[in-house]
């Protein structure tokens, strides 16, 4: 992967980014995503934020090699701390982390969200945790995708501030409000795989000596929920 040829996962993230004046890519690593968005003319300026020195230097090198120093800068800092009010950031991208970590970054950086930038997020796990935070802060999911890349399923979504309460059902939090509407082949592949794993786990739990009732109940609930979502008659 490079700035001109994104991975399938990162291309799906890029496709959710709206035309923007100023984008902050948090956890940017090599800054491939903002470099691609600049090269495609989708954004005008970018900040590549990194908390670790190695990836920060990678971003700096990429900016120089792509001759983007006039429209992008790398900044070393924790989460949204790299953003200043004078940047007038209108879109924030965060990809390749766990949902709980992304949620923590947003929660700790709430002061940097007062101008309500568009959020384009890709969580490797715990997507439901992130969706819940967005709803609780009046962010509505307006774009959502799922891809299979390098042996893993990835979900990504765009969220926009709507200045009114946002409410999602448990099913929408777990499976994605827009993904549920489409139920693409990739969506079905992911949840059929999850269903098989949960059935396997349930079998092991039921036949274990400890017979953990709480875990068995939780697994049964998850199985029922997945079966319901995959039911074509619903």
Protein backbone atom coordinates (compact mmCIF):
# COMPACT_ATOMS: atom_id res chain seq x y z
CA UNK A 1 0.00 0.00 0.00
CA UNK A 2 1.09 3.56 -0.71
CA UNK A 3 -0.49 6.98 -1.20
CA UNK A 4 -1.45 6.17 -4.77
CA UNK A 5 -2.66 2.61 -4.15
CA UNK A 6 -4.59 2.25 -0.90
CA UNK A 7 -5.53 -1.10 0.58
CA UNK A 8 -9.13 -2.19 0.16
CA UNK A 9 -9.79 -1.20 3.79
CA UNK A 10 -8.29 2.27 3.46
CA UNK A 11 -9.93 2.86 0.07
CA UNK A 12 -13.30 2.20 1.70
CA UNK A 13 -12.43 4.76 4.39
CA UNK A 14 -11.33 7.29 1.76
CA UNK A 15 -14.58 6.80 -0.14
CA UNK A 16 -16.54 7.99 2.92
CA UNK A 17 -14.59 11.24 3.30
CA UNK A 18 -16.58 14.24 2.03
CA UNK A 19 -14.95 17.08 0.11
CA UNK A 20 -13.25 19.05 2.85
CA UNK A 21 -11.06 22.08 3.37
CA UNK A 22 -9.08 20.76 6.32
CA UNK A 23 -8.76 17.12 7.38
CA UNK A 24 -7.04 15.77 10.49
CA UNK A 25 -6.01 12.12 10.19
CA UNK A 26 -5.39 10.79 13.68
CA UNK A 27 -3.00 7.84 13.97
CA UNK A 28 -1.86 8.57 10.44
CA UNK A 29 1.27 6.36 10.38
CA UNK A 30 2.67 6.86 6.86
CA UNK A 31 0.01 9.50 6.08
CA UNK A 32 -1.13 7.48 3.07
CA UNK A 33 -4.81 8.35 3.55
CA UNK A 34 -4.50 12.16 3.66
CA UNK A 35 -1.86 12.06 0.89
CA UNK A 36 -4.30 10.11 -1.30
CA UNK A 37 -7.16 12.50 -0.53
CA UNK A 38 -4.95 15.48 -1.44
CA UNK A 39 -3.72 13.86 -4.64
CA UNK A 40 -7.33 13.16 -5.67
CA UNK A 41 -8.33 16.76 -5.03
CA UNK A 42 -10.88 15.73 -2.41
CA UNK A 43 -9.42 17.91 0.34
CA UNK A 44 -7.36 21.11 0.43
CA UNK A 45 -5.20 20.71 3.52
CA UNK A 46 -4.34 17.91 5.94
CA UNK A 47 -2.84 17.29 9.35
CA UNK A 48 -1.26 13.89 9.96
CA UNK A 49 -1.37 13.28 13.72
CA UNK A 50 0.76 10.66 15.47
CA UNK A 51 1.46 9.90 19.11
CA UNK A 52 4.51 7.69 18.47
CA UNK A 53 7.78 9.10 17.18
CA UNK A 54 8.44 6.36 14.58
CA UNK A 55 5.12 6.71 12.71
CA UNK A 56 5.39 10.50 13.08
CA UNK A 57 8.71 10.42 11.21
CA UNK A 58 7.15 8.07 8.62
CA UNK A 59 4.46 10.68 8.00
CA UNK A 60 7.05 13.43 7.68
CA UNK A 61 8.98 11.38 5.13
CA UNK A 62 5.84 10.65 3.10
CA UNK A 63 4.89 14.32 3.02
CA UNK A 64 8.32 15.25 1.68
CA UNK A 65 8.48 12.39 -0.84
CA UNK A 66 5.04 13.28 -2.23
CA UNK A 67 5.88 17.01 -2.38
CA UNK A 68 2.94 17.85 -0.14
CA UNK A 69 4.67 20.08 2.42
CA UNK A 70 2.65 23.08 1.26
CA UNK A 71 -0.68 21.35 1.99
CA UNK A 72 0.04 18.81 4.74
CA UNK A 73 1.98 18.73 7.98
CA UNK A 74 2.75 15.99 10.47
CA UNK A 75 2.21 16.73 14.15
CA UNK A 76 3.30 14.73 17.17
CA UNK A 77 0.66 14.53 19.89
CA UNK A 78 -1.92 12.39 21.66
CA UNK A 79 -5.21 12.01 19.80
CA UNK A 80 -7.04 15.22 19.01
CA UNK A 81 -4.44 17.26 20.88
CA UNK A 82 -2.73 17.82 17.52
CA UNK A 83 -5.68 19.97 16.40
CA UNK A 84 -5.84 23.70 17.10
CA UNK A 85 -8.93 25.94 16.72
CA UNK A 86 -7.05 27.97 14.10
CA UNK A 87 -6.84 24.85 11.90
CA UNK A 88 -10.60 25.00 11.20
CA UNK A 89 -10.68 21.22 10.75
CA UNK A 90 -13.95 20.19 9.15
CA UNK A 91 -13.30 16.43 8.89
CA UNK A 92 -11.50 14.02 11.23
CA UNK A 93 -10.46 10.53 10.17
CA UNK A 94 -9.42 7.78 12.58
CA UNK A 95 -8.80 4.28 11.24
CA UNK A 96 -7.17 1.01 12.23
CA UNK A 97 -7.77 1.08 15.99
CA UNK A 98 -10.16 -0.64 18.35
CA UNK A 99 -13.57 0.94 18.87
CA UNK A 100 -12.91 1.55 22.56
CA UNK A 101 -9.65 3.38 21.80
CA UNK A 102 -11.30 5.56 19.15
CA UNK A 103 -14.13 6.30 21.58
CA UNK A 104 -11.55 7.28 24.23
CA UNK A 105 -9.78 9.58 21.76
CA UNK A 106 -13.05 11.32 20.92
CA UNK A 107 -14.12 11.56 24.55
CA UNK A 108 -10.81 13.02 25.71
CA UNK A 109 -10.77 15.39 22.74
CA UNK A 110 -14.36 16.65 22.98
CA UNK A 111 -13.13 20.22 23.33
CA UNK A 112 -11.74 19.93 19.80
CA UNK A 113 -15.15 18.97 18.41
CA UNK A 114 -17.01 22.21 19.16
CA UNK A 115 -17.25 23.09 15.47
CA UNK A 116 -18.77 19.64 14.86
CA UNK A 117 -16.44 18.21 12.19
CA UNK A 118 -17.53 15.22 10.12
CA UNK A 119 -16.10 12.01 11.63
CA UNK A 120 -14.93 9.18 9.37
CA UNK A 121 -14.05 6.20 11.53
CA UNK A 122 -12.90 2.61 11.04
CA UNK A 123 -12.74 0.41 14.11
CA UNK A 124 -11.13 -3.03 14.00
CA UNK A 125 -13.35 -4.28 16.87
CA UNK A 126 -16.05 -2.94 19.23
CA UNK A 127 -17.82 -0.96 16.54
CA UNK A 128 -20.96 -0.96 18.71
CA UNK A 129 -19.14 0.96 21.46
CA UNK A 130 -18.21 3.65 18.97
CA UNK A 131 -21.70 3.87 17.47
CA UNK A 132 -23.14 4.32 20.95
CA UNK A 133 -20.76 7.22 21.68
CA UNK A 134 -21.68 8.90 18.41
CA UNK A 135 -25.41 8.63 19.11
CA UNK A 136 -24.93 9.97 22.64
CA UNK A 137 -23.18 13.04 21.20
CA UNK A 138 -25.77 13.78 18.49
CA UNK A 139 -23.74 12.32 15.64
CA UNK A 140 -25.76 10.43 13.05
CA UNK A 141 -24.23 7.75 10.83
CA UNK A 142 -24.73 8.95 7.25
CA UNK A 143 -22.44 6.50 5.45
CA UNK A 144 -21.40 2.96 6.27
CA UNK A 145 -19.46 0.17 4.56
CA UNK A 146 -17.97 -3.23 5.24
CA UNK A 147 -15.07 -4.87 3.38
CA UNK A 148 -13.02 -8.04 3.58
CA UNK A 149 -9.31 -7.31 3.33
CA UNK A 150 -6.23 -9.43 4.08
CA UNK A 151 -8.22 -12.07 5.95
CA UNK A 152 -10.30 -9.72 8.11
CA UNK A 153 -13.67 -8.00 7.99
CA UNK A 154 -13.65 -4.24 8.55
CA UNK A 155 -16.51 -1.82 9.13
CA UNK A 156 -16.18 1.91 8.54
CA UNK A 157 -18.66 4.77 8.85
CA UNK A 158 -19.13 8.50 8.39
CA UNK A 159 -20.96 10.40 11.13
CA UNK A 160 -22.29 13.96 11.01
CA UNK A 161 -23.54 16.22 13.80
CA UNK A 162 -27.29 16.77 13.61
CA UNK A 163 -28.04 18.92 16.70
CA UNK A 164 -30.85 16.66 17.89
CA UNK A 165 -31.05 13.37 19.81
CA UNK A 166 -29.92 10.29 17.92
CA UNK A 167 -31.17 6.88 18.98
CA UNK A 168 -30.19 3.44 17.69
CA UNK A 169 -31.61 0.07 18.65
CA UNK A 170 -29.28 -2.54 20.10
CA UNK A 171 -29.40 -4.30 16.74
CA UNK A 172 -28.38 -1.11 14.92
CA UNK A 173 -25.52 -0.55 17.37
CA UNK A 174 -24.25 -4.10 16.92
CA UNK A 175 -24.69 -4.47 13.16
CA UNK A 176 -24.77 -0.92 11.82
CA UNK A 177 -27.94 1.03 10.94
CA UNK A 178 -27.09 1.37 7.23
CA UNK A 179 -25.37 -2.01 6.91
CA UNK A 180 -28.59 -3.59 8.17
CA UNK A 181 -30.54 -1.94 5.37
CA UNK A 182 -28.29 -3.34 2.64
CA UNK A 183 -27.03 -6.67 4.07
CA UNK A 184 -24.41 -7.07 1.35
CA UNK A 185 -22.70 -10.36 0.62
CA UNK A 186 -19.71 -9.21 2.69
CA UNK A 187 -21.99 -8.32 5.59
CA UNK A 188 -23.57 -11.79 5.43
CA UNK A 189 -20.15 -13.45 5.19
CA UNK A 190 -18.98 -11.69 8.35
CA UNK A 191 -22.02 -12.57 10.41
CA UNK A 192 -22.26 -16.14 9.13
CA UNK A 193 -18.68 -16.59 10.27
CA UNK A 194 -19.52 -15.03 13.65
CA UNK A 195 -22.57 -17.28 13.91
CA UNK A 196 -20.49 -20.41 13.33
CA UNK A 197 -17.95 -19.32 15.93
CA UNK A 198 -20.63 -18.61 18.52
CA UNK A 199 -22.29 -21.98 17.91
CA UNK A 200 -18.92 -23.66 18.39
CA UNK A 201 -18.33 -21.71 21.60
CA UNK A 202 -21.81 -22.58 22.89
CA UNK A 203 -21.21 -26.27 22.27
CA UNK A 204 -17.96 -26.11 24.26
CA UNK A 205 -19.59 -24.20 27.10
CA UNK A 206 -22.58 -26.54 27.36
CA UNK A 207 -20.29 -29.56 27.50
CA UNK A 208 -17.75 -28.07 29.90
CA UNK A 209 -17.54 -29.24 33.49
CA UNK A 210 -18.00 -25.73 34.89
CA UNK A 211 -21.09 -25.11 32.69
CA UNK A 212 -20.92 -21.28 33.09
CA UNK A 213 -24.55 -20.19 32.98
CA UNK A 214 -23.86 -16.49 32.35
CA UNK A 215 -21.55 -17.13 29.39
CA UNK A 216 -23.98 -19.70 27.96
CA UNK A 217 -26.87 -17.24 28.19
CA UNK A 218 -24.84 -14.44 26.60
CA UNK A 219 -23.71 -16.68 23.75
CA UNK A 220 -27.26 -17.91 23.12
CA UNK A 221 -28.47 -14.32 22.97
CA UNK A 222 -25.79 -13.43 20.43
CA UNK A 223 -26.67 -16.46 18.30
CA UNK A 224 -30.37 -15.52 18.32
CA UNK A 225 -29.53 -11.93 17.40
CA UNK A 226 -27.32 -12.94 14.46
CA UNK A 227 -29.86 -15.51 13.23
CA UNK A 228 -32.53 -12.83 13.28
CA UNK A 229 -30.42 -10.40 11.27
CA UNK A 230 -29.57 -13.03 8.66
CA UNK A 231 -33.20 -14.12 8.31
CA UNK A 232 -34.33 -13.14 4.79
CA UNK A 233 -37.96 -13.14 5.89
CA UNK A 234 -37.55 -10.18 8.20
